[in-house]
Structures are given as structure tokens and as C-alpha cells.
Amino acid sequence: MIELAAIKAARCGLEGITVNTPLLASDRLSEDVGGKVWLKAENTQRAGSFKLRGAYTKMAALAPAERARGIIAHSAGNHAQGVALAAQLLGAPATVVMPEYAPLAKVVATKRFGAHVVLHGQSFDDAGAHARMLQEQQGLTYVHAFDDPLTVAGQGTLGLEILEALPDVGTLVVPIGGGGLIGGIGVAVRALKPTTRIIGVQAEGCPSIRLSLTAGKPVVVPEARTIADGIAVKKPGGITLPLIRDLVDDVVTVDEDEIARGIVYALQNLRLVAEGAGAVGIAALLTGKVRPRAAEQVCVVLSGGNIDANFLARVIEQVLVKQGRYIVLHTSVPDRPGNLSRMLDHIAAEGANVIDINHRRAAWQVPVDRTGIEMILEVRDEAHGQAIVQRLEAAGYCIDRVGVGEYPN
């Protein structure tokens, strides 16, 4: 069992290495979900996530000869960067095996810290099997992402920081992948403030911990399908699963649309960049899967901000459609000069901005004397989008809208 003393020792070892990341109050999120909500902004940590805490704690405890042989780890991205930076700080060579789908931004960042990156397999667990093979072949020293007492102790230092900054915290909302973060936080919080409610959040597309807790034994998810790559762990940890079972009050899941909404909410309303794994706590609050109790202080751990810019742009577009900020319209006009222009005049008169427009003919099977039109329009809100549709229909256009705004702005 991991003790509070190990977490305090890890805290001492991380002085000057990690940042005591800010705890930010959010009036907007508090208003939207109730309670008083705070965000532990671990996306501002060195290497962009909490992972440096555990990686450095583990690697600093190794014998010099173990580090000199070389470090190896497997990771979907954040542990990769934590290991790479820790190895750089400790002067050790590092190899990191990442899944082939790993976000480019995380691969590039890991290489920039000086690690050798090997891309292998379709999942975190596939990468792990290959890393173990390389470990044996090359005599390297393994640093696990979560299933190690020293790693868990390092992650638990985040819990100490939260309690120091917010001693009356009533509910803690924490992302769960392999469980090292929530396990370490759980040890610290149960020792120092046992009345605090601890709720873990997993991606619905990879709920290995939740399924295992329900079954009463480890359950391996056959496939990880989630944009929250940082918590896409198919197999529970032998150390972390008992910690979660004993210390965590509940585990909930959020789906892909809800995670995307959390990412964009953080960007729009909190001015924070969160990756999918980092945003699941926000998603759980927005969907009501975690509900603050009356007048309590709630802390959401925003565990990382390492998200690829191109992917972020796609997520934003998807959520803007759900918010009614982007509307996608299908219609058709007579295939003669000037007809498209006349339709666009109606759109301009309503103050919308055309983001994209395409002509479709045979693919839509419109009459031969007409051309199909697909438009993406930027509007102020759902009501503005509806007004545009109504104007076009009143002008005689048959409008088919793809999707309807579901989320508030």
C-alpha cells in the first residue's frame, strides 16, 4: 500500500523540477453547473501534463547504473514527454514506444526532449508489449506510466497541492486512464481530508476501470476508441485498481461528443487549452454526470493540454455545429447564372458569414436543370441560424439542415 509519507517524500524530490500549477476559480463553470468550481491547471505543468511528477520521482530513485543503461517506457503521449524530460534532466538516454496513432504534436514534443521514439501498434497496450520486448533485448530500465508505487506517489503530489490551496474542497473530479493520478490523489486526500468525495472520469470508449470495478476483477477492454488518447488504457493496473476500489467514491464515463464539448468549453469560456483526457472532468460536470452538492467547493483536475492543433480545429468545428454557431445547409437552385448569387444575397442580408460552399450535381441526384448546394455558414447563435433558414424558405428555397444546435454557447 502506498502511504502519505511516500507522497510527501516525492514532493521534496520534485522541488525545482515541477511547477506548483495554479488553482483557478471559474465563475462561468460555477454558474453553469452549480457549486463553486475550481480548476487545477495541470495543463500548465512542464511537458504539458501531470506526468512529469511520476516519471521524475521513479527515475530519480533508480540507481545510477540503471539510468545509465537507458530508460524505456510506453505511452500514448503525455507519459512519453514526462519520461523524455525527466531523462533529459537526469542525464539518461530514453526510448519511448508510442502507438502508431499517437498525436503528432506529442511525438514531436517527445523527440524535442531528446528521447528516441518508436511508433508501434494500435493502442497503448500494443505499444507496451513492444516496449517490454525492447527492454529485454537491450537491457533497458522500464518506467511504467502508472503501475508503479513511486510513479503513483509522484502523481499524488498533485493532491497535496490541491489541499493546500483549497483545504475545504468537497468534491474532486479526476480523469482516469491507468489510475496512477487518481490513485495517488486518493492516498493523499483520504489521509488528510477523508470526507472529500473523489470521482473519477473515464472515456466511454475505453472504460476499463469502471468495468473492472463492476465485475470485481480486472477487465480488459478489447478496443480503445476515444479522442481522449491520454486515458485510452485497455487494461487496469495491478497496483492502481485496488487503490481506486478502496479510495474513490464513484467512476463515471463521458462519450466522444461530451469530451469534444469539454475541450471547446475550456477554450471558449475558461481560456484554457485542454486535451481530451484533460477535459473529461469538465465534460462530466456539463452533462450532470457529476453534480456538485449544495454550496460545496469542487475541484476539477485539468490533467493535460497536449492537443494537436489540426485536431483541435476539427473538434472546434464539430462543437460549433452542435452549438448552432456553424450551420450546414443543403438546397438546390436552377442551374443558370445568377441564381447562386441571389440566394447568397439573402444570407448576407441576415448577417451570416459563408465559411464553405460547394456545388453538387450527380451525387445528389437533383434534376438535371438544377444544381445542389451545400453551405457551411457562421452565425451568432441557434436563433440566428433558424432565422436564416426561415428567410431562405420564405424566398422559395427548399432547405435541409444537417444537425441542429444542441449545446448552449
Protein backbone atom coordinates (compact mmCIF):
# COMPACT_ATOMS: atom_id res chain seq x y z
CA MET A 1 0.00 0.00 0.00
CA ILE A 2 1.26 3.47 -0.85
CA GLU A 3 1.47 5.75 2.18
CA LEU A 4 1.19 9.52 2.59
CA ALA A 5 4.87 9.60 3.61
CA ALA A 6 5.88 8.40 0.14
CA ILE A 7 3.92 11.23 -1.47
CA LYS A 8 5.48 13.79 0.85
CA ALA A 9 8.92 12.41 0.02
CA ALA A 10 8.11 12.67 -3.68
CA ARG A 11 7.08 16.29 -3.11
CA CYS A 12 10.51 17.06 -1.68
CA GLY A 13 12.22 15.34 -4.59
CA LEU A 14 10.25 17.37 -7.12
CA GLU A 15 11.23 20.78 -5.69
CA GLY A 16 12.69 22.82 -8.51
CA ILE A 17 11.62 20.19 -11.05
CA THR A 18 7.84 20.54 -11.32
CA VAL A 19 5.65 23.62 -11.13
CA ASN A 20 3.06 24.14 -8.42
CA THR A 21 0.36 24.67 -11.00
CA PRO A 22 -2.38 27.25 -10.43
CA LEU A 23 -5.78 26.51 -8.96
CA LEU A 24 -8.14 28.72 -10.95
CA ALA A 25 -11.64 29.75 -9.94
CA SER A 26 -14.20 29.64 -12.74
CA ASP A 27 -17.25 31.83 -12.29
CA ARG A 28 -18.66 30.69 -15.65
CA LEU A 29 -18.39 26.97 -14.94
CA SER A 30 -19.68 27.51 -11.41
CA GLU A 31 -22.73 29.32 -12.81
CA ASP A 32 -23.36 26.66 -15.45
CA VAL A 33 -23.15 23.60 -13.18
CA GLY A 34 -23.74 24.91 -9.66
CA GLY A 35 -21.38 24.90 -6.70
CA LYS A 36 -18.08 26.74 -6.66
CA VAL A 37 -15.79 25.18 -9.27
CA TRP A 38 -12.01 25.38 -9.35
CA LEU A 39 -9.65 24.04 -11.98
CA LYS A 40 -6.26 22.55 -11.14
CA ALA A 41 -4.49 23.67 -14.32
CA GLU A 42 -2.00 20.86 -14.76
CA ASN A 43 -2.01 21.68 -18.48
CA THR A 44 0.45 24.42 -17.48
CA GLN A 45 2.87 21.88 -15.96
CA ARG A 46 6.26 21.31 -17.59
CA ALA A 47 5.80 18.96 -20.58
CA GLY A 48 2.12 19.91 -20.64
CA SER A 49 0.64 17.42 -18.17
CA PHE A 50 0.94 15.91 -14.70
CA LYS A 51 3.11 13.03 -15.95
CA LEU A 52 6.47 14.59 -15.13
CA ARG A 53 5.64 14.22 -11.42
CA GLY A 54 5.56 10.43 -11.52
CA ALA A 55 8.21 9.89 -14.18
CA TYR A 56 10.83 12.01 -12.43
CA THR A 57 10.03 10.51 -9.00
CA LYS A 58 10.54 7.00 -10.33
CA MET A 59 13.65 7.77 -12.38
CA ALA A 60 15.37 9.82 -9.66
CA ALA A 61 15.06 6.80 -7.34
CA LEU A 62 16.86 4.47 -9.76
CA ALA A 63 20.46 3.53 -9.17
CA PRO A 64 22.85 5.47 -11.45
CA ALA A 65 23.74 2.22 -13.25
CA GLU A 66 20.05 1.58 -14.02
CA ARG A 67 19.65 5.03 -15.53
CA ALA A 68 22.91 4.69 -17.45
CA ARG A 69 21.68 1.51 -19.17
CA GLY A 70 18.91 3.60 -20.66
CA ILE A 71 15.25 4.19 -19.84
CA ILE A 72 12.35 2.71 -21.79
CA ALA A 73 8.64 3.44 -21.46
CA HIS A 74 5.46 3.17 -23.45
CA SER A 75 2.93 5.94 -23.70
CA ALA A 76 0.08 7.44 -25.71
CA GLY A 77 1.88 10.77 -25.42
CA ASN A 78 1.93 12.51 -22.05
CA HIS A 79 3.99 9.95 -20.14
CA ALA A 80 6.30 9.97 -23.16
CA GLN A 81 7.00 13.64 -22.68
CA GLY A 82 7.31 13.29 -18.91
CA VAL A 83 9.85 10.47 -19.28
CA ALA A 84 11.75 12.31 -22.01
CA LEU A 85 12.05 15.48 -19.94
CA ALA A 86 12.93 13.58 -16.76
CA ALA A 87 15.62 11.66 -18.64
CA GLN A 88 17.00 14.91 -20.01
CA LEU A 89 17.12 16.43 -16.51
CA LEU A 90 18.78 13.32 -15.08
CA GLY A 91 21.20 12.84 -17.99
CA ALA A 92 19.84 9.43 -19.01
CA PRO A 93 19.15 8.11 -22.52
CA ALA A 94 15.47 7.32 -23.11
CA THR A 95 13.45 5.30 -25.61
CA VAL A 96 9.68 5.70 -25.74
CA VAL A 97 7.32 3.39 -27.64
CA MET A 98 4.14 5.16 -28.75
CA PRO A 99 1.11 3.83 -30.64
CA GLU A 100 1.12 4.48 -34.37
CA TYR A 101 -1.92 6.75 -33.99
CA ALA A 102 -0.22 8.93 -31.33
CA PRO A 103 -0.88 12.63 -31.95
CA LEU A 104 1.88 14.22 -33.99
CA ALA A 105 2.28 17.06 -31.50
CA LYS A 106 3.07 14.56 -28.73
CA VAL A 107 5.53 12.62 -30.88
CA VAL A 108 7.36 15.79 -31.91
CA ALA A 109 7.47 17.13 -28.35
CA THR A 110 8.88 13.84 -27.04
CA LYS A 111 11.63 13.93 -29.63
CA ARG A 112 12.41 17.56 -28.77
CA PHE A 113 13.16 16.49 -25.20
CA GLY A 114 15.80 14.13 -26.62
CA ALA A 115 14.08 10.75 -26.44
CA HIS A 116 14.24 8.13 -29.18
CA VAL A 117 10.64 7.46 -30.29
CA VAL A 118 9.44 4.12 -31.69
CA LEU A 119 5.93 4.02 -33.19
CA HIS A 120 4.34 0.59 -32.82
CA GLY A 121 0.83 -0.88 -32.53
CA GLN A 122 -2.69 0.48 -32.49
CA SER A 123 -3.07 1.12 -28.77
CA PHE A 124 -1.31 1.99 -25.53
CA ASP A 125 -1.23 -1.70 -24.63
CA ASP A 126 0.18 -2.75 -28.03
CA ALA A 127 2.98 -0.23 -27.54
CA GLY A 128 3.58 -1.64 -24.06
CA ALA A 129 4.10 -5.19 -25.32
CA HIS A 130 6.67 -3.95 -27.84
CA ALA A 131 8.41 -1.85 -25.20
CA ARG A 132 8.78 -4.88 -22.94
CA MET A 133 10.36 -6.80 -25.80
CA LEU A 134 12.87 -3.98 -26.42
CA GLN A 135 13.59 -3.82 -22.69
CA GLU A 136 14.65 -7.45 -22.63
CA GLN A 137 16.57 -7.27 -25.87
CA GLN A 138 18.56 -4.17 -24.93
CA GLY A 139 18.76 -4.45 -21.13
CA LEU A 140 16.92 -1.16 -20.58
CA THR A 141 15.25 0.06 -17.36
CA TYR A 142 11.47 0.20 -17.55
CA VAL A 143 9.45 3.17 -16.28
CA HIS A 144 5.73 2.39 -16.25
CA ALA A 145 3.18 5.13 -16.85
CA PHE A 146 1.07 4.32 -13.78
CA ASP A 147 1.52 0.84 -12.31
CA ASP A 148 4.46 1.58 -10.02
CA PRO A 149 4.39 2.78 -6.39
CA LEU A 150 6.93 5.56 -6.98
CA THR A 151 5.08 6.79 -10.04
CA VAL A 152 1.81 6.84 -8.12
CA ALA A 153 3.48 8.70 -5.25
CA GLY A 154 4.76 11.32 -7.67
CA GLN A 155 1.31 11.82 -9.16
CA GLY A 156 -0.11 12.08 -5.66
CA THR A 157 1.82 15.31 -5.07
CA LEU A 158 -0.91 16.98 -7.09
CA GLY A 159 -3.33 16.07 -4.31
CA LEU A 160 -1.15 17.77 -1.72
CA GLU A 161 -1.12 20.96 -3.78
CA ILE A 162 -4.91 20.94 -4.14
CA LEU A 163 -5.47 20.50 -0.40
CA GLU A 164 -3.01 23.28 0.43
CA ALA A 165 -4.71 25.71 -1.96
CA LEU A 166 -8.30 24.57 -1.28
CA PRO A 167 -8.44 22.92 2.16
CA ASP A 168 -12.25 22.77 2.22
CA VAL A 169 -12.61 21.00 -1.13
CA GLY A 170 -15.80 18.94 -1.10
CA THR A 171 -15.54 17.06 -4.41
CA LEU A 172 -12.55 16.21 -6.56
CA VAL A 173 -13.13 15.25 -10.19
CA VAL A 174 -10.18 13.40 -11.71
CA PRO A 175 -9.55 11.81 -15.13
CA ILE A 176 -8.76 8.08 -15.11
CA GLY A 177 -6.67 6.20 -17.64
CA GLY A 178 -4.46 3.68 -15.90
CA GLY A 179 -5.30 5.13 -12.49
CA GLY A 180 -1.95 6.46 -11.31
CA LEU A 181 -3.18 10.03 -10.94
CA ILE A 182 -6.43 9.31 -9.12
CA GLY A 183 -4.71 6.60 -7.06
CA GLY A 184 -2.03 8.98 -5.83
CA ILE A 185 -4.51 11.79 -5.21
CA GLY A 186 -6.74 9.33 -3.38
CA VAL A 187 -3.98 8.33 -0.97
CA ALA A 188 -3.16 11.96 -0.17
CA VAL A 189 -6.75 13.14 0.17
CA ARG A 190 -8.02 10.19 2.22
CA ALA A 191 -5.13 10.69 4.66
CA LEU A 192 -5.59 14.44 5.04
CA LYS A 193 -9.27 15.14 4.30
CA PRO A 194 -11.18 11.86 4.27
CA THR A 195 -14.61 13.50 3.86
CA THR A 196 -13.80 14.77 0.36
CA ARG A 197 -15.73 12.99 -2.38
CA ILE A 198 -13.45 11.67 -5.14
CA ILE A 199 -15.00 10.94 -8.53
CA GLY A 200 -13.10 9.52 -11.48
CA VAL A 201 -14.00 10.10 -15.11
CA GLN A 202 -13.24 7.69 -17.94
CA ALA A 203 -13.88 7.81 -21.67
CA GLU A 204 -16.91 5.73 -22.63
CA GLY A 205 -14.84 4.33 -25.49
CA CYS A 206 -12.32 2.77 -23.10
CA PRO A 207 -13.91 2.19 -19.66
CA SER A 208 -11.55 -0.47 -18.33
CA ILE A 209 -11.56 0.75 -14.72
CA ARG A 210 -15.32 1.16 -14.48
CA LEU A 211 -15.95 -2.28 -15.97
CA SER A 212 -13.38 -3.81 -13.64
CA LEU A 213 -14.94 -2.24 -10.56
CA THR A 214 -18.37 -3.51 -11.61
CA ALA A 215 -17.04 -7.01 -12.27
CA GLY A 216 -14.97 -7.12 -9.10
CA LYS A 217 -11.91 -8.20 -11.08
CA PRO A 218 -9.67 -6.77 -13.83
CA VAL A 219 -11.45 -6.48 -17.17
CA VAL A 220 -9.54 -5.84 -20.38
CA VAL A 221 -11.33 -3.68 -22.95
CA PRO A 222 -10.82 -5.22 -26.41
CA GLU A 223 -10.56 -1.90 -28.21
CA ALA A 224 -9.88 1.70 -27.21
CA ARG A 225 -11.96 4.11 -29.29
CA THR A 226 -11.74 7.64 -27.94
CA ILE A 227 -10.36 11.08 -28.74
CA ALA A 228 -9.08 11.14 -25.16
CA ASP A 229 -5.89 9.30 -26.11
CA GLY A 230 -4.23 10.18 -22.81
CA ILE A 231 -6.65 7.90 -20.90
CA ALA A 232 -7.13 5.20 -23.55
CA VAL A 233 -5.81 2.37 -21.36
CA LYS A 234 -7.38 -1.02 -22.04
CA LYS A 235 -6.02 -2.88 -19.02
CA PRO A 236 -6.25 -1.80 -15.35
CA GLY A 237 -3.08 -1.61 -13.29
CA GLY A 238 -2.43 -4.23 -10.65
CA ILE A 239 -1.43 -1.52 -8.17
CA THR A 240 -3.87 1.18 -9.20
CA LEU A 241 -7.11 -0.82 -9.45
CA PRO A 242 -7.18 -1.70 -5.71
CA LEU A 243 -6.40 1.92 -4.85
CA ILE A 244 -9.35 3.11 -6.92
CA ARG A 245 -11.61 0.42 -5.45
CA ASP A 246 -10.71 1.43 -1.89
CA LEU A 247 -10.33 5.21 -2.18
CA VAL A 248 -12.58 6.51 -4.97
CA ASP A 249 -16.29 7.14 -4.41
CA ASP A 250 -17.51 6.75 -7.98
CA VAL A 251 -16.37 6.41 -11.58
CA VAL A 252 -18.44 7.86 -14.44
CA THR A 253 -17.93 7.86 -18.20
CA VAL A 254 -18.35 10.52 -20.89
CA ASP A 255 -18.79 9.91 -24.60
CA GLU A 256 -16.92 11.43 -27.54
CA ASP A 257 -19.33 14.30 -28.17
CA GLU A 258 -19.25 15.19 -24.49
CA ILE A 259 -15.45 15.16 -24.43
CA ALA A 260 -15.35 17.39 -27.51
CA ARG A 261 -17.75 19.78 -25.83
CA GLY A 262 -15.48 19.87 -22.75
CA ILE A 263 -12.44 20.72 -24.87
CA VAL A 264 -14.21 23.61 -26.60
CA TYR A 265 -15.88 24.83 -23.40
CA ALA A 266 -12.44 25.14 -21.77
CA LEU A 267 -11.17 27.11 -24.74
CA GLN A 268 -14.18 29.40 -25.16
CA ASN A 269 -15.13 30.07 -21.57
CA LEU A 270 -12.10 29.28 -19.40
CA ARG A 271 -9.38 30.42 -21.84
CA LEU A 272 -7.59 27.13 -21.27
CA VAL A 273 -6.32 24.57 -23.77
CA ALA A 274 -7.22 21.04 -22.69
CA GLU A 275 -6.68 17.78 -24.50
CA GLY A 276 -9.41 15.16 -24.49
CA ALA A 277 -8.13 13.41 -21.37
CA GLY A 278 -7.78 16.75 -19.60
CA ALA A 279 -11.32 17.84 -20.44
CA VAL A 280 -13.28 14.79 -19.26
CA GLY A 281 -13.88 16.29 -15.81
CA ILE A 282 -15.39 19.42 -17.35
CA ALA A 283 -17.49 17.19 -19.60
CA ALA A 284 -18.78 15.22 -16.61
CA LEU A 285 -19.90 18.43 -14.89
CA LEU A 286 -21.51 19.92 -18.00
CA THR A 287 -23.54 16.76 -18.61
CA GLY A 288 -24.65 16.43 -15.00
CA LYS A 289 -22.91 13.08 -14.57
CA VAL A 290 -21.13 14.73 -11.66
CA ARG A 291 -23.34 17.13 -9.70
CA PRO A 292 -21.91 19.49 -7.08
CA ARG A 293 -23.58 19.25 -3.71
CA ALA A 294 -25.12 22.35 -2.17
CA ALA A 295 -22.63 25.16 -1.50
CA GLU A 296 -19.58 22.91 -1.84
CA GLN A 297 -16.18 23.62 -3.36
CA VAL A 298 -15.48 21.44 -6.39
CA CYS A 299 -12.03 20.94 -7.93
CA VAL A 300 -11.63 19.56 -11.44
CA VAL A 301 -8.18 18.29 -12.40
CA LEU A 302 -7.38 19.53 -15.90
CA SER A 303 -4.68 16.92 -16.33
CA GLY A 304 -3.09 17.94 -19.64
CA GLY A 305 -3.12 20.30 -22.59
CA ASN A 306 -1.15 18.42 -25.24
CA ILE A 307 -3.56 18.51 -28.16
CA ASP A 308 -2.63 18.64 -31.83
CA ALA A 309 -3.60 21.97 -33.43
CA ASN A 310 -5.16 20.37 -36.52
CA PHE A 311 -7.22 18.00 -34.41
CA LEU A 312 -8.28 20.85 -32.14
CA ALA A 313 -9.54 22.76 -35.19
CA ARG A 314 -11.68 19.78 -36.20
CA VAL A 315 -13.08 19.42 -32.69
CA ILE A 316 -13.94 23.13 -32.60
CA GLU A 317 -15.81 22.91 -35.91
CA GLN A 318 -17.81 19.90 -34.71
CA VAL A 319 -18.81 21.60 -31.47
CA LEU A 320 -19.66 24.87 -33.23
CA VAL A 321 -22.20 22.91 -35.27
CA LYS A 322 -23.64 21.47 -32.05
CA GLN A 323 -23.80 24.97 -30.59
CA GLY A 324 -25.61 26.31 -33.62
CA ARG A 325 -22.68 28.62 -34.37
CA TYR A 326 -21.99 26.80 -37.64
CA ILE A 327 -24.96 25.62 -39.66
CA VAL A 328 -24.75 23.17 -42.56
CA LEU A 329 -27.45 23.63 -45.20
CA HIS A 330 -28.36 21.63 -48.30
CA THR A 331 -30.52 23.12 -51.03
CA SER A 332 -30.68 23.44 -54.81
CA VAL A 333 -31.04 26.28 -57.33
CA PRO A 334 -31.77 26.40 -61.06
CA ASP A 335 -28.50 25.73 -62.89
CA ARG A 336 -28.31 29.15 -64.53
CA PRO A 337 -26.01 32.17 -63.98
CA GLY A 338 -27.01 34.48 -61.13
CA ASN A 339 -29.14 32.07 -59.11
CA LEU A 340 -26.43 31.29 -56.53
CA SER A 341 -25.73 34.99 -56.15
CA ARG A 342 -29.39 35.74 -55.42
CA MET A 343 -29.50 33.11 -52.72
CA LEU A 344 -26.30 34.45 -51.14
CA ASP A 345 -27.84 37.94 -51.07
CA HIS A 346 -30.49 36.63 -48.67
CA ILE A 347 -27.78 35.13 -46.46
CA ALA A 348 -25.76 38.36 -46.47
CA ALA A 349 -28.86 40.37 -45.60
CA GLU A 350 -29.27 38.26 -42.45
CA GLY A 351 -25.63 38.90 -41.44
CA ALA A 352 -24.26 35.37 -41.77
CA ASN A 353 -20.76 34.52 -42.98
CA VAL A 354 -20.17 31.84 -45.62
CA ILE A 355 -17.41 29.50 -44.40
CA ASP A 356 -17.62 26.98 -47.25
CA ILE A 357 -19.82 26.36 -50.27
CA ASN A 358 -19.91 23.51 -52.79
CA HIS A 359 -21.89 22.63 -55.90
CA ARG A 360 -23.30 19.08 -56.03
CA ARG A 361 -24.95 17.68 -59.14
CA ALA A 362 -24.99 13.95 -59.93
CA ALA A 363 -24.02 12.89 -56.41
CA TRP A 364 -27.25 14.33 -55.01
CA GLN A 365 -29.34 13.22 -57.99
CA VAL A 366 -31.02 16.63 -58.33
CA PRO A 367 -32.97 17.32 -61.53
CA VAL A 368 -30.69 17.87 -64.49
CA ASP A 369 -31.67 21.54 -64.75
CA ARG A 370 -30.72 22.25 -61.10
CA THR A 371 -27.54 22.15 -59.04
CA GLY A 372 -27.29 21.07 -55.42
CA ILE A 373 -25.67 23.49 -52.97
CA GLU A 374 -24.00 22.61 -49.67
CA MET A 375 -23.12 25.56 -47.43
CA ILE A 376 -21.46 25.99 -44.07
CA LEU A 377 -22.48 29.31 -42.52
CA GLU A 378 -21.14 31.04 -39.44
CA VAL A 379 -23.94 32.56 -37.37
CA ARG A 380 -24.27 34.26 -33.99
CA ASP A 381 -26.29 31.54 -32.29
CA GLU A 382 -29.01 28.96 -32.84
CA ALA A 383 -31.74 31.59 -33.11
CA HIS A 384 -29.80 33.45 -35.79
CA GLY A 385 -29.35 30.20 -37.73
CA GLN A 386 -33.06 29.48 -37.56
CA ALA A 387 -33.84 32.98 -38.84
CA ILE A 388 -31.63 32.38 -41.89
CA VAL A 389 -33.35 29.08 -42.66
CA GLN A 390 -36.76 30.75 -42.32
CA ARG A 391 -35.76 33.58 -44.68
CA LEU A 392 -34.48 31.18 -47.32
CA GLU A 393 -37.61 29.04 -47.09
CA ALA A 394 -39.81 32.14 -47.38
CA ALA A 395 -37.88 33.04 -50.54
CA GLY A 396 -38.81 29.68 -52.05
CA TYR A 397 -35.72 27.57 -51.33
CA CYS A 398 -36.14 24.01 -50.05
CA ILE A 399 -33.69 23.82 -47.14
CA ASP A 400 -32.36 20.66 -45.50
CA ARG A 401 -30.32 21.45 -42.40
CA VAL A 402 -27.75 18.91 -41.26
CA GLY A 403 -27.85 18.73 -37.47
CA VAL A 404 -29.39 21.23 -35.07
CA GLY A 405 -27.75 23.22 -32.30
CA GLU A 406 -27.87 21.16 -29.10
CA TYR A 407 -25.41 22.90 -26.79
CA PRO A 408 -25.65 26.37 -25.26
CA ASN A 409 -22.93 28.83 -26.31
